[in-house]
Amino acid sequence: MVITEGFIGLILGGVSSLLLSLIAYFLKLLVQDIRDLKKEQMNLRELCIWLKAEQGQL
């Protein structure tokens, strides 16, 4: 009985470890996407400011 309980615990530990690793991986991707969106937003903001300045000159 002790061997099967230990084996079940080992399996559950492995599965929970795998699930936590997957969650951490997807959170890392999410954070990277948010950083990329912030960079794109800054580029778009600079472009809008430049376009408004050009429009004012015309």
N, C-alpha and C. Protein backbone atom coordinates (compact mmCIF):
# COMPACT_ATOMS: atom_id res chain seq x y z
N MET A 1 0.81 -1.20 0.00
CA MET A 1 0.00 0.00 0.00
C MET A 1 0.86 1.27 0.00
N VAL A 2 1.95 1.25 0.72
CA VAL A 2 2.80 2.44 0.82
C VAL A 2 3.42 2.76 -0.53
N ILE A 3 3.77 1.71 -1.28
CA ILE A 3 4.40 1.93 -2.58
C ILE A 3 3.41 2.58 -3.54
N THR A 4 2.15 2.15 -3.57
CA THR A 4 1.18 2.74 -4.48
C THR A 4 0.85 4.17 -4.08
N GLU A 5 0.79 4.47 -2.77
CA GLU A 5 0.52 5.84 -2.35
C GLU A 5 1.67 6.76 -2.75
N GLY A 6 2.88 6.28 -2.62
CA GLY A 6 4.03 7.07 -3.04
C GLY A 6 4.06 7.28 -4.54
N PHE A 7 3.66 6.24 -5.28
CA PHE A 7 3.62 6.34 -6.74
C PHE A 7 2.56 7.33 -7.19
N ILE A 8 1.40 7.30 -6.53
CA ILE A 8 0.33 8.25 -6.85
C ILE A 8 0.78 9.67 -6.53
N GLY A 9 1.44 9.84 -5.42
CA GLY A 9 1.96 11.15 -5.05
C GLY A 9 2.99 11.64 -6.05
N LEU A 10 3.83 10.75 -6.54
CA LEU A 10 4.83 11.10 -7.54
C LEU A 10 4.16 11.54 -8.84
N ILE A 11 3.15 10.82 -9.25
CA ILE A 11 2.43 11.17 -10.48
C ILE A 11 1.73 12.52 -10.33
N LEU A 12 1.04 12.72 -9.21
CA LEU A 12 0.35 13.99 -8.98
C LEU A 12 1.34 15.15 -8.91
N GLY A 13 2.48 14.94 -8.30
CA GLY A 13 3.51 15.97 -8.24
C GLY A 13 4.04 16.31 -9.62
N GLY A 14 4.25 15.29 -10.44
CA GLY A 14 4.72 15.54 -11.80
C GLY A 14 3.71 16.28 -12.64
N VAL A 15 2.45 15.89 -12.51
CA VAL A 15 1.39 16.57 -13.28
C VAL A 15 1.24 18.01 -12.84
N SER A 16 1.26 18.27 -11.55
CA SER A 16 1.13 19.65 -11.06
C SER A 16 2.35 20.47 -11.48
N SER A 17 3.51 19.88 -11.48
CA SER A 17 4.71 20.59 -11.92
C SER A 17 4.61 20.94 -13.40
N LEU A 18 4.13 20.01 -14.20
CA LEU A 18 3.95 20.26 -15.63
C LEU A 18 2.95 21.38 -15.87
N LEU A 19 1.84 21.37 -15.15
CA LEU A 19 0.82 22.41 -15.31
C LEU A 19 1.35 23.78 -14.89
N LEU A 20 2.09 23.82 -13.80
CA LEU A 20 2.68 25.09 -13.37
C LEU A 20 3.69 25.61 -14.38
N SER A 21 4.44 24.71 -15.00
CA SER A 21 5.40 25.12 -16.02
C SER A 21 4.69 25.69 -17.23
N LEU A 22 3.59 25.09 -17.63
CA LEU A 22 2.81 25.60 -18.76
C LEU A 22 2.23 26.97 -18.46
N ILE A 23 1.72 27.15 -17.25
CA ILE A 23 1.17 28.44 -16.86
C ILE A 23 2.25 29.51 -16.88
N ALA A 24 3.43 29.19 -16.35
CA ALA A 24 4.54 30.15 -16.34
C ALA A 24 4.97 30.50 -17.76
N TYR A 25 4.98 29.53 -18.66
CA TYR A 25 5.37 29.78 -20.05
C TYR A 25 4.39 30.73 -20.72
N PHE A 26 3.08 30.48 -20.54
CA PHE A 26 2.09 31.34 -21.18
C PHE A 26 2.06 32.73 -20.55
N LEU A 27 2.32 32.83 -19.25
CA LEU A 27 2.42 34.15 -18.64
C LEU A 27 3.61 34.92 -19.18
N LYS A 28 4.71 34.23 -19.43
CA LYS A 28 5.89 34.87 -20.01
C LYS A 28 5.57 35.41 -21.40
N LEU A 29 4.85 34.61 -22.19
CA LEU A 29 4.45 35.08 -23.52
C LEU A 29 3.52 36.28 -23.43
N LEU A 30 2.61 36.25 -22.48
CA LEU A 30 1.68 37.36 -22.30
C LEU A 30 2.41 38.65 -21.93
N VAL A 31 3.37 38.55 -21.02
CA VAL A 31 4.14 39.73 -20.62
C VAL A 31 4.94 40.26 -21.80
N GLN A 32 5.52 39.37 -22.60
CA GLN A 32 6.29 39.80 -23.77
C GLN A 32 5.39 40.50 -24.78
N ASP A 33 4.18 39.99 -24.99
CA ASP A 33 3.24 40.63 -25.91
C ASP A 33 2.85 42.02 -25.41
N ILE A 34 2.65 42.16 -24.11
CA ILE A 34 2.30 43.47 -23.55
C ILE A 34 3.44 44.45 -23.75
N ARG A 35 4.67 44.00 -23.56
CA ARG A 35 5.82 44.88 -23.78
C ARG A 35 5.91 45.30 -25.25
N ASP A 36 5.68 44.37 -26.16
CA ASP A 36 5.71 44.69 -27.58
C ASP A 36 4.61 45.68 -27.94
N LEU A 37 3.42 45.52 -27.35
CA LEU A 37 2.32 46.45 -27.62
C LEU A 37 2.66 47.84 -27.11
N LYS A 38 3.33 47.94 -25.97
CA LYS A 38 3.72 49.24 -25.45
C LYS A 38 4.71 49.92 -26.38
N LYS A 39 5.64 49.15 -26.92
CA LYS A 39 6.61 49.71 -27.87
C LYS A 39 5.91 50.20 -29.13
N GLU A 40 4.97 49.41 -29.64
CA GLU A 40 4.23 49.80 -30.84
C GLU A 40 3.38 51.04 -30.57
N GLN A 41 2.81 51.13 -29.37
CA GLN A 41 2.02 52.30 -29.02
C GLN A 41 2.89 53.56 -29.00
N MET A 42 4.09 53.43 -28.46
CA MET A 42 4.99 54.59 -28.43
C MET A 42 5.37 55.03 -29.85
N ASN A 43 5.62 54.05 -30.73
CA ASN A 43 5.94 54.39 -32.11
C ASN A 43 4.76 55.07 -32.79
N LEU A 44 3.56 54.58 -32.53
CA LEU A 44 2.36 55.18 -33.12
C LEU A 44 2.13 56.58 -32.58
N ARG A 45 2.39 56.77 -31.29
CA ARG A 45 2.23 58.09 -30.69
C ARG A 45 3.20 59.09 -31.33
N GLU A 46 4.45 58.67 -31.51
CA GLU A 46 5.44 59.55 -32.14
C GLU A 46 5.05 59.88 -33.57
N LEU A 47 4.52 58.90 -34.28
CA LEU A 47 4.09 59.13 -35.66
C LEU A 47 2.92 60.11 -35.71
N CYS A 48 1.99 60.00 -34.78
CA CYS A 48 0.85 60.93 -34.75
C CYS A 48 1.31 62.34 -34.45
N ILE A 49 2.24 62.48 -33.53
CA ILE A 49 2.76 63.81 -33.21
C ILE A 49 3.45 64.40 -34.43
N TRP A 50 4.22 63.58 -35.12
CA TRP A 50 4.92 64.08 -36.32
C TRP A 50 3.92 64.45 -37.41
N LEU A 51 2.88 63.65 -37.60
CA LEU A 51 1.88 63.96 -38.62
C LEU A 51 1.11 65.23 -38.28
N LYS A 52 0.80 65.45 -37.02
CA LYS A 52 0.11 66.68 -36.63
C LYS A 52 1.00 67.89 -36.89
N ALA A 53 2.30 67.77 -36.63
CA ALA A 53 3.23 68.86 -36.90
C ALA A 53 3.32 69.13 -38.39
N GLU A 54 3.35 68.08 -39.20
CA GLU A 54 3.40 68.27 -40.67
C GLU A 54 2.10 68.89 -41.16
N GLN A 55 0.99 68.49 -40.62
CA GLN A 55 -0.29 69.04 -41.04
C GLN A 55 -0.37 70.52 -40.66
N GLY A 56 0.18 70.87 -39.52
CA GLY A 56 0.18 72.27 -39.11
C GLY A 56 1.02 73.13 -40.03
N GLN A 57 2.10 72.56 -40.58
CA GLN A 57 2.96 73.32 -41.49
C GLN A 57 2.30 73.53 -42.84
N LEU A 58 1.43 72.59 -43.23
CA LEU A 58 0.74 72.73 -44.51
C LEU A 58 -0.37 73.74 -44.39
